[in-house]
């Protein structure tokens, strides 16, 4: 029996795992989730990691950290501080020590967009390694107003059942924390534990092409694909639960 620690992405909260948790628990596993303080613009990545750490039961050491989207920048920091079995990235960003997420894809953006982000160009030699990578985001998703229900429906929840999409939109939280985009990442190095990556092949936010590349070239793993939009925990929870629990078989 493992403990799945479920860490949500932008605009979401503990509620977003409500459909997935019953499938994990039906297979005999435990779960824990938490609301990250995304309404607080001054929160840092390290503080986000601390919130996750505080939510973990102190008696469990068989922990699988699952990070969706934004949370891909948070769960490696948790694994620096807490012993965990496995990191699972679900349609997730991957951090790089000492640079921001924006640093990783700034070369794909035009000067007007960079100015709108108040981006300060870095020494090109620091970022040259990212120039051969695919564009991290689907271009149509950049700059959209995700406080708009129609935008959320089209980009986050387009493959969810209509009632699920409407419920998710009604639960959407104000995303003021932007450290996952702009903060220089405090990670020293990726933890030397097993990593897994789940690509959502119909993702309209994070590029599936980038996700496949990053899984292979950064994590050294072959990504598992799910025919889903950006939020498989809401559109395909039973399939996602099966993939997550099957990952554990590599330890048996």
Protein backbone atom coordinates (compact mmCIF):
# COMPACT_ATOMS: atom_id res chain seq x y z
CA UNK A 1 0.00 0.00 0.00
CA UNK A 2 1.39 3.39 -1.02
CA UNK A 3 0.45 6.93 -0.14
CA UNK A 4 -0.29 9.04 -3.18
CA UNK A 5 0.41 12.69 -2.42
CA UNK A 6 -1.56 14.64 -5.02
CA UNK A 7 -0.35 18.17 -5.76
CA UNK A 8 -2.59 20.31 -7.95
CA UNK A 9 -1.78 22.77 -10.70
CA UNK A 10 -2.74 26.36 -11.42
CA UNK A 11 -6.33 27.55 -10.82
CA UNK A 12 -7.18 24.28 -9.07
CA UNK A 13 -7.24 22.94 -5.51
CA UNK A 14 -7.83 19.82 -3.44
CA UNK A 15 -11.23 19.45 -5.13
CA UNK A 16 -9.67 18.59 -8.49
CA UNK A 17 -8.66 15.12 -7.22
CA UNK A 18 -12.18 14.18 -6.06
CA UNK A 19 -12.80 11.95 -9.09
CA UNK A 20 -9.39 10.24 -9.00
CA UNK A 21 -9.13 9.47 -5.28
CA UNK A 22 -11.89 6.83 -5.14
CA UNK A 23 -10.16 4.80 -7.87
CA UNK A 24 -6.80 4.92 -6.04
CA UNK A 25 -8.36 4.02 -2.71
CA UNK A 26 -10.36 1.18 -4.28
CA UNK A 27 -6.99 -0.36 -5.19
CA UNK A 28 -5.95 -0.24 -1.52
CA UNK A 29 -3.82 2.89 -1.57
CA UNK A 30 -3.99 5.96 0.63
CA UNK A 31 -4.18 9.54 -0.62
CA UNK A 32 -3.47 13.02 0.66
CA UNK A 33 -4.05 16.35 -1.05
CA UNK A 34 -3.79 19.98 -0.02
CA UNK A 35 -4.76 23.46 -1.16
CA UNK A 36 -1.68 25.36 -2.23
CA UNK A 37 -1.78 29.11 -1.44
CA UNK A 38 -2.09 30.14 -5.08
CA UNK A 39 -4.05 33.29 -4.20
CA UNK A 40 -0.93 34.75 -2.58
CA UNK A 41 1.31 36.42 -5.16
CA UNK A 42 4.25 36.65 -2.77
CA UNK A 43 4.47 32.91 -2.04
CA UNK A 44 7.71 31.27 -3.15
CA UNK A 45 8.30 27.85 -4.63
CA UNK A 46 10.01 26.75 -1.42
CA UNK A 47 7.00 27.87 0.60
CA UNK A 48 4.73 25.90 -1.73
CA UNK A 49 6.88 22.83 -1.11
CA UNK A 50 6.60 23.41 2.65
CA UNK A 51 2.80 23.33 2.38
CA UNK A 52 3.04 19.91 0.72
CA UNK A 53 5.50 18.66 3.32
CA UNK A 54 3.24 19.77 6.18
CA UNK A 55 0.34 17.82 4.64
CA UNK A 56 2.28 14.54 4.59
CA UNK A 57 1.61 12.09 7.43
CA UNK A 58 4.77 11.66 9.47
CA UNK A 59 4.27 7.89 9.69
CA UNK A 60 4.34 7.16 5.95
CA UNK A 61 7.55 6.47 4.06
CA UNK A 62 6.06 4.80 0.97
CA UNK A 63 5.14 8.04 -0.75
CA UNK A 64 4.44 8.69 -4.42
CA UNK A 65 4.44 12.40 -5.23
CA UNK A 66 2.11 13.23 -8.12
CA UNK A 67 2.40 16.73 -9.55
CA UNK A 68 0.07 18.15 -12.18
CA UNK A 69 1.11 21.00 -14.48
CA UNK A 70 2.47 23.84 -12.27
CA UNK A 71 3.18 21.33 -9.49
CA UNK A 72 5.98 19.82 -11.55
CA UNK A 73 8.05 22.77 -10.30
CA UNK A 74 7.16 21.98 -6.68
CA UNK A 75 7.39 18.22 -6.14
CA UNK A 76 11.17 17.93 -6.73
CA UNK A 77 11.66 20.41 -3.87
CA UNK A 78 9.51 18.22 -1.63
CA UNK A 79 11.63 15.21 -2.57
CA UNK A 80 14.76 17.11 -1.51
CA UNK A 81 13.38 17.31 2.02
CA UNK A 82 11.30 14.14 2.43
CA UNK A 83 12.03 10.52 1.53
CA UNK A 84 9.71 9.49 -1.29
CA UNK A 85 9.48 6.46 -3.54
CA UNK A 86 8.67 8.08 -6.84
CA UNK A 87 7.96 11.39 -8.57
CA UNK A 88 5.17 11.35 -11.15
CA UNK A 89 4.75 14.32 -13.45
CA UNK A 90 1.31 14.63 -15.07
CA UNK A 91 1.28 17.07 -18.00
CA UNK A 92 3.79 18.92 -15.87
CA UNK A 93 6.45 21.57 -16.12
CA UNK A 94 9.97 20.48 -15.24
CA UNK A 95 12.23 22.84 -13.33
CA UNK A 96 15.87 23.48 -14.08
CA UNK A 97 18.18 24.53 -11.22
CA UNK A 98 18.90 28.24 -11.12
CA UNK A 99 16.68 29.36 -13.99
CA UNK A 100 13.02 30.21 -14.25
CA UNK A 101 10.41 28.45 -16.34
CA UNK A 102 10.19 31.58 -18.47
CA UNK A 103 13.95 31.42 -19.03
CA UNK A 104 13.44 27.99 -20.57
CA UNK A 105 11.12 29.19 -23.34
CA UNK A 106 11.79 32.96 -23.62
CA UNK A 107 13.61 32.45 -26.93
CA UNK A 108 10.29 31.34 -28.46
CA UNK A 109 8.55 34.63 -27.58
CA UNK A 110 8.58 37.93 -29.41
CA UNK A 111 9.96 41.09 -27.84
CA UNK A 112 6.52 42.60 -27.16
CA UNK A 113 5.42 39.52 -25.23
CA UNK A 114 8.65 39.49 -23.24
CA UNK A 115 8.19 43.17 -22.39
CA UNK A 116 4.65 42.44 -21.19
CA UNK A 117 6.20 39.95 -18.75
CA UNK A 118 8.83 42.53 -17.66
CA UNK A 119 11.38 39.95 -18.69
CA UNK A 120 15.03 40.82 -18.22
CA UNK A 121 17.16 39.01 -20.82
CA UNK A 122 19.78 36.66 -19.41
CA UNK A 123 23.27 35.95 -20.60
CA UNK A 124 22.63 33.89 -23.76
CA UNK A 125 25.28 31.37 -22.73
CA UNK A 126 23.18 30.48 -19.65
CA UNK A 127 20.14 29.58 -21.74
CA UNK A 128 21.62 28.21 -24.96
CA UNK A 129 20.93 24.65 -23.79
CA UNK A 130 17.18 25.28 -24.10
CA UNK A 131 17.28 26.59 -27.68
CA UNK A 132 17.14 23.12 -29.20
CA UNK A 133 14.07 22.16 -27.17
CA UNK A 134 10.53 22.26 -28.56
CA UNK A 135 8.29 25.10 -27.43
CA UNK A 136 7.07 24.23 -23.93
CA UNK A 137 3.57 25.61 -24.38
CA UNK A 138 0.97 25.29 -27.09
CA UNK A 139 1.26 28.75 -28.73
CA UNK A 140 -2.50 29.40 -28.69
CA UNK A 141 -2.54 29.08 -24.89
CA UNK A 142 0.01 31.83 -24.18
CA UNK A 143 -1.46 35.09 -22.94
CA UNK A 144 -5.01 33.82 -22.50
CA UNK A 145 -7.18 35.07 -19.63
CA UNK A 146 -7.77 31.95 -17.56
CA UNK A 147 -10.14 33.83 -15.27
CA UNK A 148 -12.56 33.61 -18.21
CA UNK A 149 -14.86 30.57 -17.99
CA UNK A 150 -14.90 30.08 -21.76
CA UNK A 151 -11.10 30.04 -21.89
CA UNK A 152 -10.94 27.50 -19.06
CA UNK A 153 -13.46 25.31 -20.85
CA UNK A 154 -11.56 25.46 -24.16
CA UNK A 155 -8.06 24.92 -22.80
CA UNK A 156 -8.38 23.05 -19.48
CA UNK A 157 -11.61 21.09 -19.69
CA UNK A 158 -12.47 20.64 -23.36
CA UNK A 159 -12.52 16.83 -23.12
CA UNK A 160 -14.40 16.61 -19.81
CA UNK A 161 -18.06 15.72 -19.61
CA UNK A 162 -20.05 18.98 -19.71
CA UNK A 163 -21.23 18.69 -16.11
CA UNK A 164 -17.69 17.97 -14.90
CA UNK A 165 -16.33 20.91 -16.88
CA UNK A 166 -18.96 23.23 -15.44
CA UNK A 167 -18.27 21.99 -11.90
CA UNK A 168 -14.52 22.47 -12.36
CA UNK A 169 -14.99 25.98 -13.71
CA UNK A 170 -17.23 26.85 -10.75
CA UNK A 171 -14.46 25.69 -8.38
CA UNK A 172 -11.67 27.60 -10.13
CA UNK A 173 -9.44 29.62 -7.79
CA UNK A 174 -7.69 32.94 -8.33
CA UNK A 175 -4.16 32.24 -9.54
CA UNK A 176 -1.98 35.06 -8.17
CA UNK A 177 1.12 32.95 -7.48
CA UNK A 178 3.36 33.18 -10.54
CA UNK A 179 6.63 31.98 -9.03
CA UNK A 180 6.37 28.78 -11.06
CA UNK A 181 6.89 30.94 -14.16
CA UNK A 182 9.15 33.76 -13.01
CA UNK A 183 11.15 32.60 -9.97
CA UNK A 184 14.71 31.35 -10.39
CA UNK A 185 14.28 27.76 -9.31
CA UNK A 186 15.96 26.88 -6.00
CA UNK A 187 16.36 23.20 -6.86
CA UNK A 188 19.98 22.07 -6.48
CA UNK A 189 19.62 18.93 -8.60
CA UNK A 190 16.89 16.48 -9.47
CA UNK A 191 16.47 13.90 -6.68
CA UNK A 192 18.02 10.55 -7.50
CA UNK A 193 14.78 8.58 -7.28
CA UNK A 194 12.54 7.08 -9.93
CA UNK A 195 10.71 9.53 -12.15
CA UNK A 196 7.67 8.94 -14.32
CA UNK A 197 6.06 11.27 -16.83
CA UNK A 198 2.52 11.17 -18.21
CA UNK A 199 1.95 13.02 -21.48
CA UNK A 200 -1.57 14.13 -22.33
CA UNK A 201 -1.71 13.77 -26.11
CA UNK A 202 -4.60 16.24 -26.56
CA UNK A 203 -3.18 18.85 -24.18
CA UNK A 204 -3.98 22.41 -25.30
CA UNK A 205 -1.78 24.07 -22.66
CA UNK A 206 1.51 22.20 -22.33
CA UNK A 207 2.91 20.98 -25.62
CA UNK A 208 2.81 17.17 -25.88
CA UNK A 209 5.87 17.40 -28.13
CA UNK A 210 7.79 19.21 -25.40
CA UNK A 211 6.53 16.79 -22.76
CA UNK A 212 7.80 13.78 -24.70
CA UNK A 213 11.13 15.50 -25.28
CA UNK A 214 11.53 16.57 -21.65
CA UNK A 215 10.67 13.14 -20.30
CA UNK A 216 13.31 11.55 -22.50
CA UNK A 217 16.07 14.15 -22.46
CA UNK A 218 15.72 15.59 -18.97
CA UNK A 219 14.38 12.70 -16.93
CA UNK A 220 15.77 9.86 -19.01
CA UNK A 221 12.44 8.02 -19.15
CA UNK A 222 9.98 7.09 -21.83
CA UNK A 223 6.75 8.95 -21.21
CA UNK A 224 3.45 7.15 -20.84
CA UNK A 225 0.73 8.70 -22.98
CA UNK A 226 -2.92 9.17 -22.18
CA UNK A 227 -5.45 10.33 -24.78
CA UNK A 228 -6.54 13.30 -22.72
CA UNK A 229 -6.57 17.04 -22.45
CA UNK A 230 -4.62 18.91 -19.80
CA UNK A 231 -6.57 17.49 -16.82
CA UNK A 232 -6.83 13.68 -17.02
CA UNK A 233 -7.71 13.52 -13.32
CA UNK A 234 -11.02 15.12 -14.33
CA UNK A 235 -11.60 13.76 -17.83
CA UNK A 236 -10.17 10.22 -17.46
CA UNK A 237 -9.72 9.52 -13.72
CA UNK A 238 -10.07 5.73 -13.95
CA UNK A 239 -7.44 5.52 -16.69
CA UNK A 240 -5.09 7.81 -14.79
CA UNK A 241 -5.52 5.77 -11.59
CA UNK A 242 -4.64 2.58 -13.49
CA UNK A 243 -1.48 4.16 -14.89
CA UNK A 244 -0.42 5.50 -11.49
CA UNK A 245 -0.88 2.17 -9.73
CA UNK A 246 0.79 0.25 -12.56
CA UNK A 247 3.88 2.40 -12.09
CA UNK A 248 4.34 0.78 -8.67
CA UNK A 249 4.81 -2.65 -10.21
CA UNK A 250 8.41 -1.74 -11.10
CA UNK A 251 9.20 -1.89 -7.37
CA UNK A 252 7.77 -5.36 -6.79
